[in-house]
Protein backbone atom coordinates (compact mmCIF):
# COMPACT_ATOMS: atom_id res chain seq x y z
CA UNK A 1 60.25 46.82 -78.78
CA UNK A 2 57.92 45.10 -81.23
CA UNK A 3 59.14 41.66 -80.11
CA UNK A 4 58.31 42.50 -76.50
CA UNK A 5 54.82 43.67 -77.51
CA UNK A 6 54.20 40.44 -79.37
CA UNK A 7 55.24 38.41 -76.32
CA UNK A 8 53.06 40.55 -74.06
CA UNK A 9 49.99 40.05 -76.25
CA UNK A 10 50.59 36.30 -76.49
CA UNK A 11 50.48 35.99 -72.70
CA UNK A 12 47.62 38.45 -72.04
CA UNK A 13 43.96 37.79 -71.39
CA UNK A 14 41.13 40.17 -72.31
CA UNK A 15 42.02 42.88 -69.81
CA UNK A 16 45.71 42.55 -70.47
CA UNK A 17 45.40 43.31 -74.18
CA UNK A 18 44.26 46.91 -73.88
CA UNK A 19 47.66 48.41 -73.10
CA UNK A 20 49.74 46.60 -75.76
CA UNK A 21 47.12 47.23 -78.44
CA UNK A 22 47.12 50.94 -77.68
CA UNK A 23 50.91 50.90 -77.75
CA UNK A 24 50.81 49.29 -81.20
CA UNK A 25 48.54 52.09 -82.43
CA UNK A 26 50.92 54.70 -81.03
CA UNK A 27 54.07 53.08 -82.40
CA UNK A 28 52.82 52.40 -85.94
CA UNK A 29 53.10 56.00 -87.10
CA UNK A 30 55.86 55.67 -89.72
CA UNK A 31 56.41 53.35 -92.66
CA UNK A 32 59.47 51.80 -91.01
CA UNK A 33 57.61 51.06 -87.78
CA UNK A 34 54.71 49.50 -89.71
CA UNK A 35 57.11 47.22 -91.54
CA UNK A 36 58.67 46.23 -88.20
CA UNK A 37 55.18 45.38 -86.94
CA UNK A 38 54.78 43.02 -89.90
CA UNK A 39 58.22 41.41 -89.55
CA UNK A 40 57.94 40.93 -85.79
CA UNK A 41 54.56 39.24 -85.97
CA UNK A 42 52.73 42.10 -84.25
CA UNK A 43 50.24 42.30 -87.13
CA UNK A 44 49.29 38.63 -86.69
CA UNK A 45 49.07 39.09 -82.91
CA UNK A 46 46.62 41.97 -83.41
CA UNK A 47 44.46 39.78 -85.66
CA UNK A 48 44.45 37.04 -83.00
CA UNK A 49 43.32 39.61 -80.42
CA UNK A 50 40.15 40.18 -82.44
CA UNK A 51 38.92 36.75 -81.34
CA UNK A 52 38.52 37.93 -77.74
CA UNK A 53 34.97 38.31 -76.40
CA UNK A 54 35.45 41.80 -74.98
CA UNK A 55 34.04 44.51 -77.27
CA UNK A 56 36.57 47.06 -76.07
CA UNK A 57 39.47 44.78 -76.97
CA UNK A 58 38.02 44.28 -80.43
CA UNK A 59 37.75 48.05 -80.93
CA UNK A 60 41.37 48.54 -79.83
CA UNK A 61 42.51 45.68 -82.09
CA UNK A 62 40.75 47.26 -85.09
CA UNK A 63 42.42 50.60 -84.41
CA UNK A 64 45.82 48.93 -84.07
CA UNK A 65 45.39 47.00 -87.31
CA UNK A 66 44.37 50.12 -89.22
CA UNK A 67 47.50 51.86 -87.94
CA UNK A 68 49.71 49.01 -89.16
CA UNK A 69 48.23 48.28 -92.60
CA UNK A 70 47.52 51.80 -93.87
CA UNK A 71 49.26 52.62 -97.17
CA UNK A 72 50.69 49.11 -97.39
CA UNK A 73 49.29 46.61 -99.86
CA UNK A 74 51.62 43.84 -98.65
CA UNK A 75 50.60 44.39 -95.04
CA UNK A 76 46.91 44.36 -95.98
CA UNK A 77 47.33 41.03 -97.72
CA UNK A 78 49.28 39.70 -94.72
CA UNK A 79 46.34 40.64 -92.49
CA UNK A 80 43.95 38.82 -94.82
CA UNK A 81 46.25 35.79 -94.84
CA UNK A 82 46.22 35.88 -91.01
CA UNK A 83 42.41 35.52 -91.03
CA UNK A 84 41.31 39.08 -90.38
CA UNK A 85 38.27 38.88 -92.66
CA UNK A 86 36.72 35.95 -90.83
CA UNK A 87 37.55 37.61 -87.51
CA UNK A 88 35.77 40.81 -88.55
CA UNK A 89 32.72 38.95 -89.89
CA UNK A 90 32.53 36.97 -86.62
CA UNK A 91 32.87 40.19 -84.63
CA UNK A 92 29.82 41.70 -86.31
CA UNK A 93 27.86 38.54 -85.51
CA UNK A 94 29.05 38.30 -81.88
CA UNK A 95 28.41 42.00 -81.12
CA UNK A 96 25.29 42.80 -83.20
CA UNK A 97 24.03 45.52 -80.86
CA UNK A 98 27.36 47.36 -80.38
CA UNK A 99 27.36 50.28 -82.83
CA UNK A 100 30.90 51.29 -81.80
CA UNK A 101 32.13 47.83 -82.71
CA UNK A 102 30.25 48.05 -86.00
CA UNK A 103 31.87 51.36 -86.91
CA UNK A 104 35.39 50.19 -86.05
CA UNK A 105 34.96 46.93 -87.97
CA UNK A 106 33.61 48.76 -91.02
CA UNK A 107 36.45 51.29 -90.86
CA UNK A 108 38.95 48.43 -90.80
CA UNK A 109 37.30 46.74 -93.78
CA UNK A 110 37.38 49.96 -95.77
CA UNK A 111 41.10 50.43 -95.11
CA UNK A 112 41.81 46.82 -96.10
CA UNK A 113 40.11 47.20 -99.50
CA UNK A 114 40.90 50.81 -100.33
CA UNK A 115 43.73 50.52 -102.87
CA UNK A 116 44.06 51.82 -106.42
CA UNK A 117 46.51 49.00 -107.24
CA UNK A 118 44.39 46.10 -105.98
CA UNK A 119 44.69 42.85 -107.94
CA UNK A 120 41.28 41.75 -106.72
CA UNK A 121 42.66 38.98 -104.51
CA UNK A 122 41.62 40.55 -101.19
CA UNK A 123 38.20 41.38 -102.56
CA UNK A 124 37.65 37.80 -103.72
CA UNK A 125 38.63 36.51 -100.28
CA UNK A 126 36.18 39.01 -98.74
CA UNK A 127 33.38 37.52 -100.80
CA UNK A 128 34.36 34.01 -99.69
CA UNK A 129 34.32 35.18 -96.07
CA UNK A 130 30.79 36.59 -96.41
CA UNK A 131 31.72 40.24 -95.95
CA UNK A 132 28.93 41.77 -98.11
CA UNK A 133 26.15 40.00 -96.21
CA UNK A 134 27.72 40.80 -92.84
CA UNK A 135 27.98 44.48 -93.80
CA UNK A 136 24.35 44.63 -95.02
CA UNK A 137 23.12 42.88 -91.85
CA UNK A 138 25.02 45.35 -89.71
CA UNK A 139 23.60 48.30 -91.62
CA UNK A 140 20.10 46.90 -91.14
CA UNK A 141 20.63 46.45 -87.38
CA UNK A 142 21.94 50.02 -86.98
CA UNK A 143 19.74 51.88 -89.42
CA UNK A 144 19.51 54.85 -87.04
CA UNK A 145 23.30 55.28 -86.83
CA UNK A 146 24.58 57.57 -89.63
CA UNK A 147 28.17 56.46 -89.07
CA UNK A 148 27.31 52.80 -89.66
CA UNK A 149 25.36 53.63 -92.81
CA UNK A 150 28.14 55.84 -94.19
CA UNK A 151 30.91 53.33 -93.47
CA UNK A 152 28.84 50.36 -94.63
CA UNK A 153 28.17 52.00 -97.99
CA UNK A 154 31.83 52.90 -98.29
CA UNK A 155 32.85 49.25 -97.83
CA UNK A 156 30.28 48.11 -100.40
CA UNK A 157 31.57 50.78 -102.81
CA UNK A 158 35.26 49.87 -102.55
CA UNK A 159 34.43 46.17 -102.90
CA UNK A 160 32.39 46.81 -106.06
CA UNK A 161 34.85 49.20 -107.70
CA UNK A 162 38.14 47.34 -107.49
CA UNK A 163 40.37 47.90 -110.52
CA UNK A 164 40.13 44.21 -111.48
CA UNK A 165 36.86 44.37 -113.43
CA UNK A 166 35.85 40.69 -113.27
CA UNK A 167 36.24 40.76 -109.49
CA UNK A 168 34.37 44.06 -109.31
CA UNK A 169 31.43 42.56 -111.22
CA UNK A 170 31.44 39.45 -109.03
CA UNK A 171 31.57 41.64 -105.91
CA UNK A 172 28.77 43.87 -107.14
CA UNK A 173 26.58 40.83 -107.78
CA UNK A 174 27.39 39.54 -104.31
CA UNK A 175 26.41 42.84 -102.69
CA UNK A 176 23.08 42.78 -104.53
CA UNK A 177 22.45 39.22 -103.38
CA UNK A 178 23.34 40.27 -99.83
CA UNK A 179 20.62 42.96 -99.90
CA UNK A 180 22.69 46.09 -100.52
CA UNK A 181 20.12 47.71 -102.81
CA UNK A 182 17.27 47.23 -100.38
CA UNK A 183 19.45 48.64 -97.60
CA UNK A 184 20.54 51.78 -99.43
CA UNK A 185 16.97 53.00 -99.91
CA UNK A 186 16.05 53.11 -96.16
CA UNK A 187 19.49 54.48 -95.31
CA UNK A 188 18.97 57.47 -97.60
CA UNK A 189 15.43 58.02 -96.31
CA UNK A 190 16.45 57.78 -92.65
CA UNK A 191 19.34 60.22 -93.07
CA UNK A 192 18.02 62.58 -95.73
CA UNK A 193 19.71 65.58 -94.10
CA UNK A 194 23.10 63.92 -93.55
CA UNK A 195 25.31 64.86 -96.50
CA UNK A 196 27.94 62.22 -95.76
CA UNK A 197 25.42 59.38 -95.69
CA UNK A 198 23.74 60.62 -98.85
CA UNK A 199 27.05 60.88 -100.72
CA UNK A 200 28.26 57.42 -99.69
CA UNK A 201 24.92 55.78 -100.46
CA UNK A 202 24.94 57.33 -103.95
CA UNK A 203 28.56 56.38 -104.54
CA UNK A 204 27.94 52.80 -103.44
CA UNK A 205 24.88 52.52 -105.65
CA UNK A 206 26.80 53.91 -108.64
CA UNK A 207 29.59 51.37 -108.17
CA UNK A 208 27.20 48.46 -107.69
CA UNK A 209 25.10 49.07 -110.82
CA UNK A 210 27.96 50.08 -113.14
CA UNK A 211 28.35 48.00 -116.32
CA UNK A 212 25.34 45.77 -115.65
CA UNK A 213 21.79 46.00 -116.99
CA UNK A 214 20.67 43.31 -114.56
CA UNK A 215 21.88 45.25 -111.53
CA UNK A 216 20.41 48.48 -112.88
CA UNK A 217 17.00 46.85 -113.20
CA UNK A 218 17.40 45.44 -109.68
CA UNK A 219 18.09 48.97 -108.42
CA UNK A 220 14.91 50.27 -110.06
CA UNK A 221 12.94 47.41 -108.51
CA UNK A 222 14.33 48.36 -105.08
CA UNK A 223 12.47 51.69 -105.47
CA UNK A 224 15.63 53.74 -105.03
CA UNK A 225 14.93 56.10 -107.95
CA UNK A 226 12.64 58.41 -105.95
CA UNK A 227 15.22 58.95 -103.20
CA UNK A 228 17.92 59.60 -105.80
CA UNK A 229 15.73 62.22 -107.47
CA UNK A 230 15.22 63.85 -104.10
CA UNK A 231 18.97 63.79 -103.39
CA UNK A 232 19.60 65.42 -106.77
CA UNK A 233 17.61 68.43 -105.54
CA UNK A 234 19.76 68.74 -102.39
CA UNK A 235 21.15 72.09 -101.28
CA UNK A 236 24.61 70.54 -101.06
CA UNK A 237 26.34 70.49 -104.46
CA UNK A 238 28.36 67.46 -103.38
CA UNK A 239 25.20 65.47 -102.56
CA UNK A 240 23.48 66.59 -105.75
CA UNK A 241 26.48 65.62 -107.89
CA UNK A 242 26.76 62.28 -106.07
CA UNK A 243 23.10 61.48 -106.79
CA UNK A 244 23.59 62.18 -110.48
CA UNK A 245 26.23 59.42 -110.78
CA UNK A 246 23.82 56.49 -110.24
CA UNK A 247 21.06 58.38 -112.08
CA UNK A 248 23.32 58.61 -115.15
CA UNK A 249 24.13 54.90 -114.80
CA UNK A 250 20.44 54.04 -114.64
CA UNK A 251 19.65 56.25 -117.64
CA UNK A 252 22.30 54.33 -119.57
CA UNK A 253 20.47 51.09 -118.84
CA UNK A 254 17.50 49.46 -120.58
CA UNK A 255 14.23 51.26 -121.27
CA UNK A 256 12.70 50.02 -118.03
CA UNK A 257 15.26 52.14 -116.16
CA UNK A 258 14.71 55.22 -118.34
CA UNK A 259 10.96 54.98 -117.93
CA UNK A 260 11.33 54.71 -114.15
CA UNK A 261 13.49 57.86 -114.15
CA UNK A 262 10.99 59.79 -116.24
CA UNK A 263 8.09 58.68 -114.05
CA UNK A 264 10.02 59.82 -110.95
CA UNK A 265 10.48 63.32 -112.41
CA UNK A 266 14.23 63.06 -112.80
CA UNK A 267 14.35 65.64 -115.61
CA UNK A 268 12.88 68.22 -113.26
CA UNK A 269 15.41 67.21 -110.61
CA UNK A 270 18.25 67.67 -113.11
CA UNK A 271 16.99 71.15 -113.97
CA UNK A 272 16.82 72.07 -110.27
CA UNK A 273 20.31 70.70 -109.66
CA UNK A 274 21.83 72.66 -112.54
CA UNK A 275 20.06 75.85 -111.52
CA UNK A 276 21.17 75.54 -107.89
CA UNK A 277 24.74 74.38 -108.55
CA UNK A 278 25.66 75.89 -111.89
CA UNK A 279 29.35 76.16 -110.97
CA UNK A 280 29.82 72.40 -110.44
CA UNK A 281 31.39 70.91 -113.59
CA UNK A 282 31.07 67.30 -112.48
CA UNK A 283 27.37 67.79 -111.81
CA UNK A 284 26.92 69.43 -115.21
CA UNK A 285 28.67 66.55 -116.96
CA UNK A 286 26.54 63.92 -115.22
CA UNK A 287 23.35 65.86 -115.93
CA UNK A 288 24.20 65.98 -119.65
CA UNK A 289 25.02 62.26 -119.69
CA UNK A 290 21.70 61.51 -118.03
CA UNK A 291 19.68 63.65 -120.45
CA UNK A 292 21.48 62.19 -123.45
CA UNK A 293 20.62 58.66 -122.37
CA UNK A 294 17.00 59.54 -121.54
CA UNK A 295 16.64 60.87 -125.09
CA UNK A 296 17.05 57.28 -126.32
CA UNK A 297 13.89 56.08 -124.57
CA UNK A 298 11.31 54.14 -126.59
CA UNK A 299 9.21 56.18 -129.08
CA UNK A 300 6.04 56.10 -126.99
CA UNK A 301 7.93 57.85 -124.18
CA UNK A 302 9.71 60.47 -126.28
CA UNK A 303 7.20 63.21 -125.42
CA UNK A 304 8.29 62.93 -121.78
CA UNK A 305 11.73 64.24 -122.82
CA UNK A 306 10.58 67.71 -123.79
CA UNK A 307 12.21 70.65 -125.53
CA UNK A 308 13.29 72.02 -122.16
CA UNK A 309 15.90 69.24 -122.09
CA UNK A 310 17.67 70.92 -125.02
CA UNK A 311 17.90 74.23 -123.20
CA UNK A 312 19.00 72.47 -120.01
CA UNK A 313 21.97 70.86 -121.80
CA UNK A 314 22.89 74.09 -123.58
CA UNK A 315 22.90 75.96 -120.27
CA UNK A 316 25.23 73.36 -118.75
CA UNK A 317 27.58 73.73 -121.73
CA UNK A 318 27.61 77.52 -121.55
CA UNK A 319 28.44 77.38 -117.86
CA UNK A 320 31.54 75.24 -118.40
CA UNK A 321 32.97 76.12 -121.80
CA UNK A 322 36.54 75.26 -120.80
CA UNK A 323 35.63 71.83 -119.39
CA UNK A 324 36.06 69.27 -122.16
CA UNK A 325 34.19 66.56 -120.22
CA UNK A 326 31.10 68.78 -119.96
CA UNK A 327 31.29 69.73 -123.63
CA UNK A 328 31.66 66.11 -124.73
CA UNK A 329 28.66 65.02 -122.69
CA UNK A 330 26.68 68.09 -123.78
CA UNK A 331 27.14 67.82 -127.54
CA UNK A 332 26.59 64.06 -127.41
CA UNK A 333 23.33 64.67 -125.52
CA UNK A 334 22.20 67.30 -128.01
CA UNK A 335 22.79 64.88 -130.88
CA UNK A 336 20.58 62.28 -129.21
CA UNK A 337 17.93 64.89 -128.46
CA UNK A 338 17.62 66.32 -131.97
CA UNK A 339 17.86 62.97 -133.76
CA UNK A 340 14.70 61.53 -132.24
CA UNK A 341 12.35 64.51 -132.10
CA UNK A 342 11.30 67.27 -134.48
CA UNK A 343 10.16 69.44 -131.56
CA UNK A 344 13.53 69.17 -129.86
CA UNK A 345 15.27 69.86 -133.17
CA UNK A 346 13.28 73.08 -133.47
CA UNK A 347 14.20 74.00 -129.89
CA UNK A 348 17.87 73.50 -130.80
CA UNK A 349 17.54 75.81 -133.81
CA UNK A 350 18.13 78.91 -131.72
CA UNK A 351 21.19 81.13 -131.51
CA UNK A 352 21.30 80.29 -127.80
CA UNK A 353 21.75 76.55 -128.32
CA UNK A 354 23.79 76.83 -131.52
CA UNK A 355 25.99 79.41 -129.83
CA UNK A 356 26.75 76.93 -127.02
CA UNK A 357 27.90 74.34 -129.58
CA UNK A 358 29.94 76.89 -131.52
CA UNK A 359 31.61 78.16 -128.34
CA UNK A 360 32.45 74.56 -127.46
CA UNK A 361 34.03 73.93 -130.86
CA UNK A 362 36.07 77.14 -130.71
CA UNK A 363 37.25 76.48 -127.14
CA UNK A 364 38.37 72.91 -127.93
CA UNK A 365 39.56 73.31 -131.49
CA UNK A 366 42.18 70.53 -131.22
CA UNK A 367 39.65 68.01 -129.84
CA UNK A 368 38.88 66.08 -133.03
CA UNK A 369 35.98 64.00 -131.71
CA UNK A 370 34.25 67.05 -130.30
CA UNK A 371 34.64 68.78 -133.69
CA UNK A 372 33.07 65.76 -135.41
CA UNK A 373 30.10 65.86 -133.04
CA UNK A 374 29.75 69.62 -133.52
CA UNK A 375 29.75 69.23 -137.31
CA UNK A 376 27.24 66.38 -137.07
CA UNK A 377 24.97 68.54 -134.92
CA UNK A 378 25.12 71.32 -137.52
CA UNK A 379 24.48 68.93 -140.39
CA UNK A 380 21.39 67.40 -138.72
CA UNK A 381 20.07 70.84 -137.77
CA UNK A 382 20.86 72.40 -141.17
CA UNK A 383 18.69 69.85 -142.94
CA UNK A 384 15.65 71.10 -140.99
CA UNK A 385 15.08 74.27 -142.96
CA UNK A 386 16.12 77.92 -143.40
CA UNK A 387 15.30 78.85 -139.81
CA UNK A 388 17.82 76.35 -138.52
CA UNK A 389 20.38 77.42 -141.13
CA UNK A 390 20.04 81.07 -140.11
CA UNK A 391 20.61 80.07 -136.47
CA UNK A 392 23.74 78.15 -137.47
CA UNK A 393 25.13 81.23 -139.20
CA UNK A 394 24.09 83.76 -136.59
CA UNK A 395 25.21 81.47 -133.77
CA UNK A 396 28.74 81.26 -135.25
CA UNK A 397 28.49 77.52 -135.95
CA UNK A 398 29.47 78.03 -139.61
CA UNK A 399 32.73 79.71 -138.63
CA UNK A 400 33.37 77.00 -136.03
CA UNK A 401 32.94 74.30 -138.70
CA UNK A 402 35.35 75.99 -141.10
CA UNK A 403 37.83 76.45 -138.26
CA UNK A 404 37.56 72.70 -137.55
CA UNK A 405 38.20 71.91 -141.22
CA UNK A 406 41.31 74.09 -141.13
CA UNK A 407 42.63 72.67 -137.85
CA UNK A 408 42.13 68.99 -138.77
CA UNK A 409 43.17 68.76 -142.42
CA UNK A 410 44.41 65.19 -142.03
CA UNK A 411 41.38 63.89 -140.13
CA UNK A 412 39.08 62.27 -142.68
CA UNK A 413 36.04 62.19 -140.36
CA UNK A 414 36.33 65.88 -139.51
CA UNK A 415 36.65 66.74 -143.19
CA UNK A 416 33.67 64.67 -144.29
CA UNK A 417 31.32 65.73 -141.50
CA UNK A 418 32.49 69.33 -141.84
CA UNK A 419 31.79 69.36 -145.58
CA UNK A 420 28.38 67.77 -145.01
CA UNK A 421 27.56 70.41 -142.41
CA UNK A 422 28.61 73.30 -144.66
CA UNK A 423 26.57 71.80 -147.52
CA UNK A 424 23.51 71.62 -145.27
CA UNK A 425 23.87 75.35 -144.51
CA UNK A 426 24.72 76.47 -148.08
CA UNK A 427 21.16 76.46 -149.37
CA UNK A 428 19.29 79.39 -150.88
CA UNK A 429 19.93 82.75 -149.21
CA UNK A 430 22.55 81.28 -146.86
CA UNK A 431 24.92 80.38 -149.70
CA UNK A 432 26.49 83.84 -149.74
CA UNK A 433 27.35 83.51 -146.03
CA UNK A 434 29.05 80.19 -146.77
CA UNK A 435 31.02 81.74 -149.64
CA UNK A 436 32.14 84.71 -147.54
CA UNK A 437 33.20 82.40 -144.70
CA UNK A 438 35.74 80.64 -146.99
CA UNK A 439 33.99 77.41 -147.95
CA UNK A 440 35.72 77.21 -151.35
CA UNK A 441 39.18 77.26 -149.80
CA UNK A 442 38.13 74.64 -147.23
CA UNK A 443 36.79 72.34 -149.98
CA UNK A 444 39.99 72.61 -152.04
CA UNK A 445 42.06 71.95 -148.96
CA UNK A 446 40.02 68.81 -148.15
CA UNK A 447 40.42 67.66 -151.76
CA UNK A 448 44.19 67.99 -151.59
CA UNK A 449 44.49 66.30 -148.20
CA UNK A 450 42.36 63.26 -149.10
CA UNK A 451 42.89 62.79 -152.82
CA UNK A 452 42.80 59.00 -152.42
CA UNK A 453 39.43 58.92 -150.65
CA UNK A 454 36.59 58.82 -153.15
CA UNK A 455 33.84 59.83 -150.71
CA UNK A 456 35.67 62.88 -149.41
CA UNK A 457 36.60 63.95 -152.95
CA UNK A 458 32.98 63.71 -154.05
CA UNK A 459 31.81 65.86 -151.14
CA UNK A 460 34.45 68.52 -151.85
CA UNK A 461 33.73 68.54 -155.59
CA UNK A 462 29.97 68.77 -155.05
CA UNK A 463 30.46 71.75 -152.75
CA UNK A 464 32.71 73.51 -155.26
CA UNK A 465 30.18 72.86 -158.03
CA UNK A 466 27.38 74.23 -155.87
CA UNK A 467 29.39 77.37 -155.12
CA UNK A 468 30.41 77.78 -158.77
CA UNK A 469 26.76 77.61 -159.85
CA UNK A 470 26.34 81.03 -158.29
CA UNK A 471 27.32 83.37 -161.12
CA UNK A 472 28.44 85.98 -158.66
CA UNK A 473 30.51 85.64 -155.46
CA UNK A 474 30.46 81.83 -155.44
CA UNK A 475 31.94 81.51 -158.91
CA UNK A 476 34.57 84.11 -158.08
CA UNK A 477 35.52 82.28 -154.88
CA UNK A 478 36.02 78.99 -156.75
CA UNK A 479 37.97 80.73 -159.53
CA UNK A 480 40.22 82.33 -156.91
CA UNK A 481 41.30 78.82 -155.88
CA UNK A 482 42.17 77.92 -159.47
CA UNK A 483 45.94 77.77 -158.94
CA UNK A 484 45.54 75.01 -156.35
CA UNK A 485 42.40 73.45 -157.80
CA UNK A 486 43.35 72.83 -161.45
CA UNK A 487 46.36 70.57 -160.69
CA UNK A 488 44.20 68.63 -158.22
CA UNK A 489 41.53 68.04 -160.84
CA UNK A 490 44.15 66.59 -163.20
CA UNK A 491 45.43 64.27 -160.49
CA UNK A 492 41.92 63.14 -159.56
CA UNK A 493 41.30 61.58 -163.00
CA UNK A 494 44.47 59.52 -162.58
CA UNK A 495 43.83 58.56 -158.96
CA UNK A 496 40.24 57.47 -159.66
CA UNK A 497 40.34 56.22 -163.28
CA UNK A 498 37.34 53.94 -162.76
CA UNK A 499 35.28 56.32 -160.66
CA UNK A 500 32.60 57.55 -163.03
CA UNK A 501 31.04 59.83 -160.44
CA UNK A 502 34.37 61.48 -159.62
CA UNK A 503 35.28 61.90 -163.31
CA UNK A 504 31.88 63.43 -164.02
CA UNK A 505 32.24 65.93 -161.18
CA UNK A 506 35.80 66.76 -162.27
CA UNK A 507 34.75 67.41 -165.88
CA UNK A 508 31.88 69.65 -164.83
CA UNK A 509 34.05 71.60 -162.43
CA UNK A 510 36.89 72.02 -164.96
CA UNK A 511 34.42 73.47 -167.41
CA UNK A 512 33.21 75.88 -164.75
CA UNK A 513 36.73 76.91 -163.77
CA UNK A 514 37.80 77.38 -167.40
CA UNK A 515 34.71 79.42 -168.06
């Protein structure tokens, strides 16, 4: 029974603890038995056994504790309350050369902190007990052991990514102070061919530097960027995707981080990763996020983010049309790319790139924010000249914009950005394409849906006037909407009695319709 085991452990010396500890591990296989271990005091007895000098006893005690506390937040906290954190930190100090002890202690720490529902209490107590520094010291002492490096990074990751954000930030700062960043670099270099070590190092780094410019700069100063770029080129898609997580975090940091990434050739690494692992959606998303952030680098570095970046993002989008997360990151990246560079804007003015955006908008028609970004992309590109406008028509972006206007009648932002995009395309020889695509109907529909909004009404009226100025198909298209349009024009004068610009547009359009 559990009571008998507790009595046996209380009376045992070093050698006498092996058998009961192994029995605990064997018995704690169900939730009921684990709860009995807590109620009987077996959990506390196991923690006390960790104070013994014998390394083998410590290993057995760690295994027994893991068996008891797994999947039980209350039991994990009970172990912490019993002093397990101090016992584990002391164990790493007492047995510095025992790699088996190190691995068992690190495994136990990971299990104690691995919980999606953590309140942050255990993590705060771990910081008070000196866990981050003990883990980093152990990793340094066993740099040649892949298991120690993998498990050490895993502990640092779970400590720094607890759901309680203030604790996570405090823990991440503590891991940096303990030397985690300087330890991750040699770990990745020493085990470049070990996928598990590479993945855990990248994951730990991503968790540590998240939401902090200071920690991102510290990571750059630890010279970890070069090893991350190398990991991004890995043959393993899992390693490559893992490396892109901290790279995207760094790219989202201050310019010092972006410049370090560009100097390390990260854009080339992203291209290699996408080419080698084109089927990995998570990798594609992170690559797009990284490129989009790099496009915001200071003006004197803009030439380093070349036109190839546009094609790289478009390729990622085409490879994962059904993945909303990839499309969001991709269109956002394209917007950043074309806003800050004429050369990149010209690279985007191709049916290949425009087609990727149009396909995204068609595939995610109900995704309002994605439609807004797609319309914004078209508006920025359309203002660049007839070549860009032709690409927007031939790449199906015009039809995607009008589909967005039809699907999101009540969304003011979609309507305004959509109308602006159509207006940017409807210039010169492209006006007929806009007319044939149904722009007049879309403008009248926007007018009716947002009669109270002066800005939207002005955009819709200006488009209708522009179309009506064409004595041929454009005028006919506007006239065909007369049954819906004329009553709206009457209402507009009442809704906006003091709006001179609206009244002027209404009067001009009524004259055109009557004519």
